[in-house]
Amino acid sequence: MILTCEIKQGHDFVQELSKAIQIAKIGLKKRTRRSADVKQIGLKSTISNQILRKYR
């Protein structure tokens, strides 16, 4: 299941995308699947879990 969000006009997703990139890099480096390992980054845990599952 892929999570989606409503896109509002004028909303800037640069911060969310940079957090997602950080989570993907940690997932590749540590080979972890736990959102607890990346919760300090600040992205929602459901999205973090999806990224970690993808890049594990």
Foldseek 3Di string as FASTA:
>chain_A
DDDDDDDDPPDDCPLVVVLLVVLLVCLQVVVDQDLVVSCVSPDDSVVSNVSSVVND
